Amino acid sequence: MDLNNVFKNNEKWIKNKLATDSNYFEELGKGQNPDLLFIGCSDSRVTAEDLMGLGPGEVFVHRNIANMVVGTDANGMSVVNYAVTHLEVKHVVVCGHFACGGVKAAMQSADLGVLNGWLRNIRDVYRMHREELNAIEYEDKKYDRLVELNVQEQCVNLIKTAAVQKAYRDRGLKVHGWVFDVHTGKLIDLKINFEKYLKDIMEIYHLD
């Protein structure tokens, strides 16, 4: 990749935006008011705004390996708190994707160095659902199902946070779990039952 082309592409992008709306960047500079926080994977094939057909200012994005929501991750928790408490987004989406390298790596018996601590969170998901996963004959199907279960558990992790609980109580914030199928381009709604999970965990994780 010639990085000079990136700057050339940027100039073309500016011209195209201004040709459509001469005030585009002036409006962009006034601030943001997104309705959606998107927590996705860092995978280079998954572009949050593009796959949803959204543009600048419409979605607040956080990405990490395997779209994790980890309570001890100050970066991720700061994003959640800022988006939910200060930007007052109406929806929080955890979006995984099939053929996820992070999920596949977590299923391998290998020392991956600094990644071990991060991938342990995915291995915990496998441990919690090992009976279901071990019953799946084909490895690719097993990976795909773990992707879905990982999204589910990261949604639960979101529901455990005080910021999300308070926003749900005060203004009806919703948490969603999606999967992006890299083979077809389709977004799949896992239809996470937010209220059910919240009810199930409130005895222990009631923080608001």
N, C-alpha and C. Protein backbone atom coordinates (compact mmCIF):
# COMPACT_ATOMS: atom_id res chain seq x y z
N MET A 1 0.84 -1.19 0.00
CA MET A 1 0.00 0.00 0.00
C MET A 1 0.88 1.26 0.00
N ASP A 2 0.60 2.13 -0.93
CA ASP A 2 1.29 3.42 -0.99
C ASP A 2 0.50 4.42 -0.15
N LEU A 3 1.07 4.84 0.97
CA LEU A 3 0.34 5.73 1.87
C LEU A 3 0.06 7.10 1.26
N ASN A 4 0.82 7.47 0.24
CA ASN A 4 0.52 8.73 -0.45
C ASN A 4 -0.88 8.72 -1.06
N ASN A 5 -1.31 7.53 -1.47
CA ASN A 5 -2.65 7.40 -2.05
C ASN A 5 -3.74 7.69 -1.03
N VAL A 6 -3.44 7.43 0.25
CA VAL A 6 -4.42 7.71 1.30
C VAL A 6 -4.75 9.20 1.32
N PHE A 7 -3.72 10.04 1.20
CA PHE A 7 -3.94 11.48 1.22
C PHE A 7 -4.61 11.97 -0.06
N LYS A 8 -4.30 11.32 -1.17
CA LYS A 8 -4.98 11.65 -2.42
C LYS A 8 -6.46 11.28 -2.32
N ASN A 9 -6.73 10.12 -1.74
CA ASN A 9 -8.11 9.69 -1.55
C ASN A 9 -8.86 10.64 -0.62
N ASN A 10 -8.14 11.13 0.39
CA ASN A 10 -8.74 12.08 1.31
C ASN A 10 -9.16 13.36 0.60
N GLU A 11 -8.31 13.84 -0.30
CA GLU A 11 -8.65 15.05 -1.05
C GLU A 11 -9.87 14.82 -1.93
N LYS A 12 -9.95 13.65 -2.55
CA LYS A 12 -11.12 13.32 -3.38
C LYS A 12 -12.38 13.26 -2.53
N TRP A 13 -12.23 12.68 -1.33
CA TRP A 13 -13.36 12.54 -0.42
C TRP A 13 -13.88 13.92 0.00
N ILE A 14 -12.95 14.84 0.31
CA ILE A 14 -13.34 16.20 0.69
C ILE A 14 -14.11 16.88 -0.45
N LYS A 15 -13.59 16.76 -1.65
CA LYS A 15 -14.24 17.39 -2.81
C LYS A 15 -15.63 16.83 -3.03
N ASN A 16 -15.77 15.52 -2.89
CA ASN A 16 -17.07 14.88 -3.09
C ASN A 16 -18.08 15.33 -2.04
N LYS A 17 -17.62 15.45 -0.79
CA LYS A 17 -18.52 15.89 0.27
C LYS A 17 -18.96 17.33 0.06
N LEU A 18 -18.02 18.18 -0.30
CA LEU A 18 -18.34 19.60 -0.49
C LEU A 18 -19.20 19.82 -1.73
N ALA A 19 -19.04 18.94 -2.72
CA ALA A 19 -19.86 19.06 -3.93
C ALA A 19 -21.32 18.76 -3.61
N THR A 20 -21.53 17.90 -2.63
CA THR A 20 -22.89 17.54 -2.23
C THR A 20 -23.46 18.54 -1.24
N ASP A 21 -22.60 18.99 -0.32
CA ASP A 21 -23.04 19.91 0.74
C ASP A 21 -21.88 20.82 1.10
N SER A 22 -21.97 22.09 0.72
CA SER A 22 -20.87 23.02 0.95
C SER A 22 -20.63 23.30 2.44
N ASN A 23 -21.61 22.98 3.28
CA ASN A 23 -21.48 23.20 4.72
C ASN A 23 -21.17 21.92 5.49
N TYR A 24 -20.81 20.88 4.77
CA TYR A 24 -20.67 19.57 5.39
C TYR A 24 -19.70 19.58 6.58
N PHE A 25 -18.52 20.11 6.39
CA PHE A 25 -17.51 20.08 7.45
C PHE A 25 -17.78 21.10 8.54
N GLU A 26 -18.44 22.20 8.16
CA GLU A 26 -18.84 23.18 9.17
C GLU A 26 -19.84 22.54 10.14
N GLU A 27 -20.79 21.80 9.60
CA GLU A 27 -21.77 21.11 10.44
C GLU A 27 -21.12 20.00 11.25
N LEU A 28 -20.18 19.29 10.63
CA LEU A 28 -19.50 18.19 11.30
C LEU A 28 -18.72 18.68 12.52
N GLY A 29 -18.20 19.90 12.42
CA GLY A 29 -17.40 20.45 13.49
C GLY A 29 -18.20 20.94 14.68
N LYS A 30 -19.52 20.95 14.58
CA LYS A 30 -20.36 21.47 15.66
C LYS A 30 -20.57 20.47 16.78
N GLY A 31 -20.17 19.22 16.57
CA GLY A 31 -20.33 18.22 17.62
C GLY A 31 -21.02 16.98 17.11
N GLN A 32 -21.22 16.03 18.04
CA GLN A 32 -21.82 14.76 17.66
C GLN A 32 -23.03 14.45 18.54
N ASN A 33 -23.97 13.74 17.97
CA ASN A 33 -25.17 13.33 18.71
C ASN A 33 -25.63 11.96 18.22
N PRO A 34 -24.77 10.94 18.33
CA PRO A 34 -25.12 9.62 17.81
C PRO A 34 -26.17 8.92 18.68
N ASP A 35 -27.00 8.11 18.05
CA ASP A 35 -27.99 7.31 18.78
C ASP A 35 -27.45 5.94 19.15
N LEU A 36 -26.31 5.57 18.57
CA LEU A 36 -25.85 4.19 18.66
C LEU A 36 -24.39 4.10 19.07
N LEU A 37 -24.11 3.23 20.04
CA LEU A 37 -22.73 2.83 20.36
C LEU A 37 -22.53 1.45 19.76
N PHE A 38 -21.51 1.32 18.92
CA PHE A 38 -21.19 0.06 18.24
C PHE A 38 -19.89 -0.48 18.80
N ILE A 39 -19.95 -1.65 19.42
CA ILE A 39 -18.75 -2.30 19.94
C ILE A 39 -18.46 -3.49 19.03
N GLY A 40 -17.40 -3.37 18.24
CA GLY A 40 -17.11 -4.39 17.23
C GLY A 40 -15.68 -4.90 17.32
N CYS A 41 -15.36 -5.78 16.39
CA CYS A 41 -14.03 -6.38 16.33
C CYS A 41 -13.09 -5.48 15.52
N SER A 42 -11.81 -5.56 15.85
CA SER A 42 -10.80 -4.77 15.13
C SER A 42 -10.49 -5.31 13.74
N ASP A 43 -11.04 -6.43 13.39
CA ASP A 43 -10.79 -7.08 12.11
C ASP A 43 -10.93 -6.08 10.95
N SER A 44 -9.96 -6.08 10.05
CA SER A 44 -9.93 -5.10 8.96
C SER A 44 -11.06 -5.29 7.95
N ARG A 45 -11.72 -6.44 7.99
CA ARG A 45 -12.81 -6.69 7.04
C ARG A 45 -14.15 -6.14 7.51
N VAL A 46 -14.21 -5.70 8.76
CA VAL A 46 -15.48 -5.27 9.34
C VAL A 46 -15.46 -3.76 9.55
N THR A 47 -16.14 -3.03 8.70
CA THR A 47 -16.19 -1.57 8.80
C THR A 47 -17.56 -1.16 9.31
N ALA A 48 -17.59 -0.65 10.52
CA ALA A 48 -18.85 -0.43 11.23
C ALA A 48 -19.84 0.43 10.45
N GLU A 49 -19.44 1.64 10.08
CA GLU A 49 -20.39 2.54 9.42
C GLU A 49 -20.85 1.99 8.08
N ASP A 50 -19.92 1.44 7.30
CA ASP A 50 -20.27 0.95 5.97
C ASP A 50 -21.30 -0.17 6.01
N LEU A 51 -21.09 -1.14 6.91
CA LEU A 51 -21.99 -2.30 6.90
C LEU A 51 -23.38 -1.93 7.40
N MET A 52 -23.49 -0.81 8.13
CA MET A 52 -24.80 -0.35 8.59
C MET A 52 -25.38 0.73 7.69
N GLY A 53 -24.60 1.19 6.72
CA GLY A 53 -25.07 2.25 5.84
C GLY A 53 -25.20 3.59 6.55
N LEU A 54 -24.32 3.82 7.55
CA LEU A 54 -24.36 5.06 8.31
C LEU A 54 -23.13 5.91 8.01
N GLY A 55 -23.19 7.17 8.41
CA GLY A 55 -22.10 8.08 8.10
C GLY A 55 -21.54 8.75 9.34
N PRO A 56 -20.60 9.68 9.16
CA PRO A 56 -19.99 10.39 10.28
C PRO A 56 -21.04 11.06 11.16
N GLY A 57 -20.87 10.92 12.47
CA GLY A 57 -21.78 11.54 13.42
C GLY A 57 -22.96 10.69 13.83
N GLU A 58 -23.16 9.55 13.16
CA GLU A 58 -24.33 8.72 13.44
C GLU A 58 -24.06 7.56 14.37
N VAL A 59 -22.80 7.19 14.55
CA VAL A 59 -22.50 6.04 15.40
C VAL A 59 -21.18 6.27 16.13
N PHE A 60 -21.17 5.97 17.42
CA PHE A 60 -19.97 6.04 18.25
C PHE A 60 -19.38 4.64 18.25
N VAL A 61 -18.10 4.51 17.91
CA VAL A 61 -17.52 3.19 17.64
C VAL A 61 -16.38 2.86 18.59
N HIS A 62 -16.42 1.65 19.11
CA HIS A 62 -15.29 1.10 19.86
C HIS A 62 -14.99 -0.28 19.28
N ARG A 63 -13.69 -0.54 19.02
CA ARG A 63 -13.31 -1.83 18.43
C ARG A 63 -12.13 -2.42 19.19
N ASN A 64 -12.17 -3.71 19.37
CA ASN A 64 -11.04 -4.44 19.96
C ASN A 64 -11.06 -5.87 19.45
N ILE A 65 -10.07 -6.65 19.82
CA ILE A 65 -10.01 -8.03 19.35
C ILE A 65 -11.20 -8.82 19.89
N ALA A 66 -12.01 -9.32 18.96
CA ALA A 66 -13.17 -10.18 19.26
C ALA A 66 -14.29 -9.46 20.00
N ASN A 67 -14.41 -8.14 19.80
CA ASN A 67 -15.54 -7.36 20.31
C ASN A 67 -15.90 -7.67 21.77
N MET A 68 -14.90 -7.52 22.64
CA MET A 68 -15.08 -7.86 24.04
C MET A 68 -15.54 -6.67 24.88
N VAL A 69 -16.30 -6.98 25.93
CA VAL A 69 -16.68 -6.00 26.94
C VAL A 69 -16.15 -6.54 28.26
N VAL A 70 -15.02 -6.00 28.70
CA VAL A 70 -14.30 -6.52 29.87
C VAL A 70 -14.29 -5.47 30.97
N GLY A 71 -14.78 -5.83 32.13
CA GLY A 71 -14.93 -4.87 33.22
C GLY A 71 -13.64 -4.23 33.67
N THR A 72 -12.52 -4.93 33.49
CA THR A 72 -11.22 -4.38 33.91
C THR A 72 -10.51 -3.62 32.80
N ASP A 73 -11.14 -3.50 31.65
CA ASP A 73 -10.56 -2.78 30.51
C ASP A 73 -10.97 -1.31 30.62
N ALA A 74 -10.07 -0.47 31.12
CA ALA A 74 -10.39 0.94 31.35
C ALA A 74 -10.76 1.65 30.05
N ASN A 75 -10.12 1.27 28.96
CA ASN A 75 -10.43 1.88 27.67
C ASN A 75 -11.87 1.60 27.27
N GLY A 76 -12.23 0.33 27.25
CA GLY A 76 -13.58 -0.05 26.85
C GLY A 76 -14.64 0.51 27.78
N MET A 77 -14.39 0.43 29.08
CA MET A 77 -15.37 0.94 30.04
C MET A 77 -15.53 2.45 29.94
N SER A 78 -14.45 3.15 29.61
CA SER A 78 -14.53 4.60 29.41
C SER A 78 -15.42 4.93 28.21
N VAL A 79 -15.27 4.16 27.16
CA VAL A 79 -16.10 4.35 25.97
C VAL A 79 -17.57 4.13 26.30
N VAL A 80 -17.87 3.04 27.00
CA VAL A 80 -19.25 2.74 27.37
C VAL A 80 -19.82 3.85 28.23
N ASN A 81 -19.06 4.27 29.23
CA ASN A 81 -19.55 5.31 30.13
C ASN A 81 -19.79 6.62 29.40
N TYR A 82 -18.84 7.01 28.53
CA TYR A 82 -18.98 8.27 27.81
C TYR A 82 -20.19 8.23 26.87
N ALA A 83 -20.32 7.13 26.14
CA ALA A 83 -21.41 7.02 25.16
C ALA A 83 -22.78 6.97 25.84
N VAL A 84 -22.86 6.20 26.93
CA VAL A 84 -24.14 6.00 27.59
C VAL A 84 -24.52 7.17 28.49
N THR A 85 -23.57 7.66 29.26
CA THR A 85 -23.86 8.69 30.26
C THR A 85 -23.82 10.10 29.69
N HIS A 86 -22.86 10.38 28.81
CA HIS A 86 -22.68 11.75 28.32
C HIS A 86 -23.32 11.98 26.94
N LEU A 87 -23.10 11.05 26.02
CA LEU A 87 -23.74 11.20 24.70
C LEU A 87 -25.19 10.74 24.72
N GLU A 88 -25.54 9.94 25.74
CA GLU A 88 -26.90 9.42 25.91
C GLU A 88 -27.40 8.69 24.66
N VAL A 89 -26.58 7.76 24.18
CA VAL A 89 -27.02 6.93 23.06
C VAL A 89 -28.25 6.14 23.47
N LYS A 90 -29.07 5.80 22.48
CA LYS A 90 -30.31 5.07 22.74
C LYS A 90 -30.12 3.56 22.62
N HIS A 91 -29.07 3.15 21.89
CA HIS A 91 -28.83 1.73 21.65
C HIS A 91 -27.33 1.44 21.80
N VAL A 92 -27.03 0.28 22.37
CA VAL A 92 -25.66 -0.22 22.39
C VAL A 92 -25.66 -1.58 21.69
N VAL A 93 -24.79 -1.72 20.70
CA VAL A 93 -24.70 -2.95 19.92
C VAL A 93 -23.35 -3.60 20.13
N VAL A 94 -23.35 -4.88 20.46
CA VAL A 94 -22.13 -5.68 20.38
C VAL A 94 -22.23 -6.48 19.09
N CYS A 95 -21.26 -6.30 18.20
CA CYS A 95 -21.32 -6.96 16.89
C CYS A 95 -20.08 -7.82 16.68
N GLY A 96 -20.27 -9.12 16.64
CA GLY A 96 -19.20 -10.04 16.29
C GLY A 96 -19.24 -10.36 14.81
N HIS A 97 -18.37 -11.22 14.36
CA HIS A 97 -18.40 -11.62 12.95
C HIS A 97 -17.89 -13.04 12.80
N PHE A 98 -18.46 -13.75 11.84
CA PHE A 98 -18.00 -15.09 11.54
C PHE A 98 -16.58 -15.05 10.99
N ALA A 99 -15.87 -16.15 11.14
CA ALA A 99 -14.45 -16.24 10.74
C ALA A 99 -13.59 -15.28 11.55
N CYS A 100 -13.90 -15.12 12.82
CA CYS A 100 -13.17 -14.20 13.69
C CYS A 100 -11.86 -14.85 14.14
N GLY A 101 -10.74 -14.20 13.82
CA GLY A 101 -9.44 -14.75 14.18
C GLY A 101 -9.23 -14.81 15.68
N GLY A 102 -9.77 -13.85 16.42
CA GLY A 102 -9.63 -13.85 17.87
C GLY A 102 -10.33 -15.02 18.51
N VAL A 103 -11.53 -15.32 18.03
CA VAL A 103 -12.29 -16.45 18.55
C VAL A 103 -11.59 -17.75 18.21
N LYS A 104 -11.10 -17.84 16.99
CA LYS A 104 -10.40 -19.07 16.59
C LYS A 104 -9.13 -19.26 17.41
N ALA A 105 -8.39 -18.18 17.64
CA ALA A 105 -7.16 -18.27 18.43
C ALA A 105 -7.46 -18.72 19.86
N ALA A 106 -8.59 -18.26 20.41
CA ALA A 106 -8.94 -18.62 21.77
C ALA A 106 -9.25 -20.10 21.91
N MET A 107 -9.60 -20.75 20.82
CA MET A 107 -9.94 -22.17 20.86
C MET A 107 -8.73 -23.06 20.67
N GLN A 108 -7.57 -22.46 20.44
CA GLN A 108 -6.36 -23.24 20.23
C GLN A 108 -5.61 -23.43 21.56
N SER A 109 -4.98 -24.59 21.71
CA SER A 109 -4.14 -24.85 22.89
C SER A 109 -2.73 -24.35 22.59
N ALA A 110 -2.55 -23.06 22.74
CA ALA A 110 -1.26 -22.46 22.40
C ALA A 110 -1.00 -21.25 23.29
N ASP A 111 0.28 -21.02 23.57
CA ASP A 111 0.70 -19.84 24.32
C ASP A 111 0.85 -18.69 23.33
N LEU A 112 -0.02 -17.70 23.45
CA LEU A 112 -0.02 -16.58 22.51
C LEU A 112 0.52 -15.31 23.15
N GLY A 113 1.33 -15.48 24.18
CA GLY A 113 2.01 -14.35 24.79
C GLY A 113 1.06 -13.35 25.40
N VAL A 114 1.23 -12.07 25.03
CA VAL A 114 0.45 -11.00 25.64
C VAL A 114 -1.04 -11.15 25.35
N LEU A 115 -1.38 -11.90 24.32
CA LEU A 115 -2.80 -12.11 23.99
C LEU A 115 -3.50 -13.05 24.96
N ASN A 116 -2.73 -13.83 25.72
CA ASN A 116 -3.34 -14.85 26.59
C ASN A 116 -4.39 -14.26 27.52
N GLY A 117 -4.06 -13.15 28.18
CA GLY A 117 -4.98 -12.55 29.13
C GLY A 117 -6.27 -12.11 28.49
N TRP A 118 -6.17 -11.55 27.30
CA TRP A 118 -7.36 -11.07 26.58
C TRP A 118 -8.21 -12.24 26.09
N LEU A 119 -7.56 -13.23 25.49
CA LEU A 119 -8.29 -14.36 24.94
C LEU A 119 -8.88 -15.25 26.02
N ARG A 120 -8.37 -15.14 27.23
CA ARG A 120 -8.93 -15.93 28.34
C ARG A 120 -10.41 -15.61 28.53
N ASN A 121 -10.79 -14.38 28.24
CA ASN A 121 -12.21 -14.01 28.35
C ASN A 121 -13.08 -14.81 27.38
N ILE A 122 -12.55 -15.07 26.17
CA ILE A 122 -13.29 -15.87 25.20
C ILE A 122 -13.29 -17.33 25.62
N ARG A 123 -12.16 -17.79 26.16
CA ARG A 123 -12.09 -19.17 26.66
C ARG A 123 -13.09 -19.39 27.79
N ASP A 124 -13.33 -18.35 28.58
CA ASP A 124 -14.33 -18.45 29.62
C ASP A 124 -15.72 -18.66 29.02
N VAL A 125 -15.99 -17.99 27.91
CA VAL A 125 -17.27 -18.19 27.21
C VAL A 125 -17.39 -19.63 26.74
N TYR A 126 -16.28 -20.15 26.19
CA TYR A 126 -16.27 -21.55 25.76
C TYR A 126 -16.55 -22.47 26.96
N ARG A 127 -15.90 -22.19 28.08
CA ARG A 127 -16.08 -23.03 29.27
C ARG A 127 -17.54 -23.04 29.72
N MET A 128 -18.19 -21.88 29.68
CA MET A 128 -19.58 -21.78 30.13
C MET A 128 -20.54 -22.53 29.21
N HIS A 129 -20.14 -22.68 27.96
CA HIS A 129 -21.04 -23.29 26.96
C HIS A 129 -20.41 -24.53 26.32
N ARG A 130 -19.45 -25.15 26.99
CA ARG A 130 -18.68 -26.23 26.37
C ARG A 130 -19.55 -27.43 25.99
N GLU A 131 -20.59 -27.71 26.76
CA GLU A 131 -21.43 -28.86 26.44
C GLU A 131 -22.09 -28.69 25.08
N GLU A 132 -22.66 -27.51 24.85
CA GLU A 132 -23.27 -27.23 23.55
C GLU A 132 -22.23 -27.23 22.44
N LEU A 133 -21.10 -26.57 22.68
CA LEU A 133 -20.08 -26.44 21.64
C LEU A 133 -19.42 -27.77 21.31
N ASN A 134 -19.15 -28.58 22.31
CA ASN A 134 -18.49 -29.86 22.06
C ASN A 134 -19.39 -30.84 21.32
N ALA A 135 -20.69 -30.56 21.32
CA ALA A 135 -21.63 -31.43 20.60
C ALA A 135 -21.69 -31.09 19.11
N ILE A 136 -21.05 -29.99 18.70
CA ILE A 136 -21.06 -29.58 17.29
C ILE A 136 -19.93 -30.30 16.56
N GLU A 137 -20.27 -31.03 15.52
CA GLU A 137 -19.31 -31.90 14.84
C GLU A 137 -18.28 -31.14 14.03
N TYR A 138 -18.72 -30.15 13.26
CA TYR A 138 -17.82 -29.47 12.34
C TYR A 138 -17.19 -28.24 12.99
N GLU A 139 -15.87 -28.13 12.84
CA GLU A 139 -15.12 -27.07 13.50
C GLU A 139 -15.59 -25.68 13.09
N ASP A 140 -15.84 -25.48 11.79
CA ASP A 140 -16.28 -24.16 11.34
C ASP A 140 -17.61 -23.76 11.99
N LYS A 141 -18.51 -24.71 12.12
CA LYS A 141 -19.80 -24.45 12.76
C LYS A 141 -19.60 -24.15 14.25
N LYS A 142 -18.64 -24.85 14.84
CA LYS A 142 -18.34 -24.62 16.25
C LYS A 142 -17.80 -23.20 16.46
N TYR A 143 -16.90 -22.76 15.56
CA TYR A 143 -16.36 -21.40 15.62
C TYR A 143 -17.50 -20.38 15.50
N ASP A 144 -18.37 -20.60 14.53
CA ASP A 144 -19.47 -19.66 14.30
C ASP A 144 -20.38 -19.57 15.52
N ARG A 145 -20.66 -20.72 16.12
CA ARG A 145 -21.53 -20.71 17.30
C ARG A 145 -20.84 -20.02 18.47
N LEU A 146 -19.54 -20.19 18.62
CA LEU A 146 -18.82 -19.51 19.69
C LEU A 146 -18.83 -18.00 19.45
N VAL A 147 -18.75 -17.58 18.20
CA VAL A 147 -18.88 -16.15 17.88
C VAL A 147 -20.21 -15.62 18.42
N GLU A 148 -21.29 -16.35 18.16
CA GLU A 148 -22.62 -15.93 18.61
C GLU A 148 -22.71 -15.91 20.13
N LEU A 149 -22.19 -16.96 20.77
CA LEU A 149 -22.24 -17.04 22.23
C LEU A 149 -21.37 -15.96 22.87
N ASN A 150 -20.26 -15.64 22.22
CA ASN A 150 -19.40 -14.58 22.73
C ASN A 150 -20.12 -13.24 22.69
N VAL A 151 -20.82 -12.97 21.61
CA VAL A 151 -21.61 -11.73 21.53
C VAL A 151 -22.64 -11.70 22.65
N GLN A 152 -23.30 -12.82 22.85
CA GLN A 152 -24.31 -12.91 23.91
C GLN A 152 -23.71 -12.58 25.28
N GLU A 153 -22.56 -13.17 25.58
CA GLU A 153 -21.95 -12.95 26.89
C GLU A 153 -21.41 -11.53 27.05
N GLN A 154 -20.98 -10.91 25.95
CA GLN A 154 -20.51 -9.52 26.04
C GLN A 154 -21.69 -8.58 26.26
N CYS A 155 -22.85 -8.94 25.73
CA CYS A 155 -24.06 -8.16 26.02
C CYS A 155 -24.40 -8.27 27.51
N VAL A 156 -24.27 -9.46 28.06
CA VAL A 156 -24.50 -9.65 29.49
C VAL A 156 -23.52 -8.79 30.30
N ASN A 157 -22.26 -8.76 29.86
CA ASN A 157 -21.26 -7.94 30.54
C ASN A 157 -21.65 -6.46 30.53
N LEU A 158 -22.23 -6.02 29.43
CA LEU A 158 -22.72 -4.63 29.36
C LEU A 158 -23.82 -4.40 30.37
N ILE A 159 -24.74 -5.35 30.45
CA ILE A 159 -25.88 -5.22 31.35
C ILE A 159 -25.44 -5.18 32.81
N LYS A 160 -24.28 -5.73 33.09
CA LYS A 160 -23.76 -5.72 34.46
C LYS A 160 -23.29 -4.34 34.91
N THR A 161 -23.09 -3.42 33.98
CA THR A 161 -22.50 -2.13 34.33
C THR A 161 -23.56 -1.16 34.86
N ALA A 162 -23.13 -0.34 35.80
CA ALA A 162 -24.04 0.63 36.41
C ALA A 162 -24.58 1.63 35.39
N ALA A 163 -23.71 2.06 34.47
CA ALA A 163 -24.14 3.06 33.48
C ALA A 163 -25.28 2.54 32.61
N VAL A 164 -25.17 1.30 32.17
CA VAL A 164 -26.22 0.72 31.33
C VAL A 164 -27.49 0.48 32.13
N GLN A 165 -27.36 -0.02 33.34
CA GLN A 165 -28.54 -0.25 34.18
C GLN A 165 -29.29 1.05 34.45
N LYS A 166 -28.55 2.09 34.77
CA LYS A 166 -29.19 3.38 35.05
C LYS A 166 -29.86 3.95 33.81
N ALA A 167 -29.19 3.86 32.67
CA ALA A 167 -29.76 4.39 31.43
C ALA A 167 -31.00 3.60 31.01
N TYR A 168 -31.00 2.32 31.27
CA TYR A 168 -32.19 1.50 30.98
C TYR A 168 -33.35 1.94 31.86
N ARG A 169 -33.06 2.12 33.15
CA ARG A 169 -34.10 2.52 34.10
C ARG A 169 -34.65 3.91 33.80
N ASP A 170 -33.74 4.85 33.49
CA ASP A 170 -34.14 6.25 33.35
C ASP A 170 -34.70 6.61 31.98
N ARG A 171 -34.17 5.95 30.93
CA ARG A 171 -34.60 6.39 29.59
C ARG A 171 -34.73 5.26 28.57
N GLY A 172 -34.75 4.01 29.03
CA GLY A 172 -35.06 2.90 28.13
C GLY A 172 -33.96 2.49 27.18
N LEU A 173 -32.70 2.68 27.57
CA LEU A 173 -31.58 2.22 26.73
C LEU A 173 -31.74 0.74 26.38
N LYS A 174 -31.38 0.37 25.17
CA LYS A 174 -31.46 -1.02 24.73
C LYS A 174 -30.07 -1.55 24.37
N VAL A 175 -29.84 -2.82 24.66
CA VAL A 175 -28.60 -3.52 24.29
C VAL A 175 -28.95 -4.58 23.26
N HIS A 176 -28.14 -4.66 22.19
CA HIS A 176 -28.40 -5.59 21.09
C HIS A 176 -27.15 -6.42 20.80
N GLY A 177 -27.35 -7.63 20.34
CA GLY A 177 -26.26 -8.49 19.91
C GLY A 177 -26.43 -8.87 18.45
N TRP A 178 -25.44 -8.52 17.63
CA TRP A 178 -25.48 -8.80 16.20
C TRP A 178 -24.24 -9.60 15.79
N VAL A 179 -24.36 -10.26 14.64
CA VAL A 179 -23.21 -10.91 14.01
C VAL A 179 -23.17 -10.51 12.55
N PHE A 180 -21.99 -10.17 12.07
CA PHE A 180 -21.78 -9.85 10.66
C PHE A 180 -21.23 -11.09 9.97
N ASP A 181 -21.93 -11.53 8.94
CA ASP A 181 -21.49 -12.69 8.17
C ASP A 181 -20.57 -12.21 7.05
N VAL A 182 -19.27 -12.43 7.20
CA VAL A 182 -18.32 -11.93 6.21
C VAL A 182 -18.45 -12.65 4.87
N HIS A 183 -19.13 -13.79 4.86
CA HIS A 183 -19.29 -14.56 3.62
C HIS A 183 -20.44 -14.04 2.75
N THR A 184 -21.40 -13.37 3.39
CA THR A 184 -22.57 -12.88 2.64
C THR A 184 -22.76 -11.37 2.76
N GLY A 185 -22.12 -10.75 3.77
CA GLY A 185 -22.31 -9.33 4.02
C GLY A 185 -23.51 -9.00 4.88
N LYS A 186 -24.25 -10.02 5.32
CA LYS A 186 -25.48 -9.79 6.07
C LYS A 186 -25.21 -9.56 7.56
N LEU A 187 -26.01 -8.66 8.13
CA LEU A 187 -26.05 -8.47 9.57
C LEU A 187 -27.13 -9.38 10.14
N ILE A 188 -26.80 -10.10 11.19
CA ILE A 188 -27.75 -11.01 11.81
C ILE A 188 -28.05 -10.52 13.22
N ASP A 189 -29.32 -10.30 13.50
CA ASP A 189 -29.74 -9.89 14.84
C ASP A 189 -29.96 -11.15 15.68
N LEU A 190 -29.19 -11.31 16.74
CA LEU A 190 -29.33 -12.48 17.60
C LEU A 190 -30.53 -12.37 18.54
N LYS A 191 -31.18 -11.22 18.50
CA LYS A 191 -32.40 -10.99 19.30
C LYS A 191 -32.16 -11.30 20.78
N ILE A 192 -31.12 -10.67 21.30
CA ILE A 192 -30.80 -10.81 22.72
C ILE A 192 -31.97 -10.29 23.56
N ASN A 193 -32.45 -11.10 24.48
CA ASN A 193 -33.55 -10.69 25.35
C ASN A 193 -32.99 -9.87 26.51
N PHE A 194 -32.85 -8.59 26.27
CA PHE A 194 -32.22 -7.68 27.22
C PHE A 194 -32.90 -7.72 28.59
N GLU A 195 -34.23 -7.62 28.58
CA GLU A 195 -34.95 -7.58 29.85
C GLU A 195 -34.80 -8.88 30.63
N LYS A 196 -34.78 -10.01 29.94
CA LYS A 196 -34.63 -11.30 30.61
C LYS A 196 -33.26 -11.41 31.28
N TYR A 197 -32.21 -11.07 30.54
CA TYR A 197 -30.87 -11.13 31.12
C TYR A 197 -30.74 -10.17 32.29
N LEU A 198 -31.32 -8.99 32.15
CA LEU A 198 -31.25 -8.02 33.24
C LEU A 198 -31.93 -8.57 34.49
N LYS A 199 -33.10 -9.15 34.31
CA LYS A 199 -33.82 -9.73 35.45
C LYS A 199 -33.03 -10.85 36.10
N ASP A 200 -32.38 -11.68 35.27
CA ASP A 200 -31.64 -12.84 35.78
C ASP A 200 -30.44 -12.45 36.63
N ILE A 201 -29.81 -11.32 36.28
CA ILE A 201 -28.55 -10.98 36.96
C ILE A 201 -28.69 -9.90 38.02
N MET A 202 -29.87 -9.28 38.13
CA MET A 202 -30.00 -8.12 39.01
C MET A 202 -29.76 -8.43 40.48
N GLU A 203 -30.04 -9.65 40.90
CA GLU A 203 -29.81 -9.99 42.30
C GLU A 203 -28.36 -9.79 42.70
N ILE A 204 -27.45 -10.08 41.76
CA ILE A 204 -26.01 -10.00 42.02
C ILE A 204 -25.40 -8.70 41.50
N TYR A 205 -25.86 -8.26 40.32
CA TYR A 205 -25.21 -7.12 39.65
C TYR A 205 -26.03 -5.85 39.68
N HIS A 206 -26.96 -5.73 40.61
CA HIS A 206 -27.78 -4.52 40.71
C HIS A 206 -26.92 -3.38 41.24
N LEU A 207 -26.57 -2.44 40.36
CA LEU A 207 -25.63 -1.37 40.74
C LEU A 207 -26.22 0.02 40.68
N ASP A 208 -27.34 0.20 39.99
CA ASP A 208 -27.82 1.58 39.80
C ASP A 208 -28.58 2.03 41.04
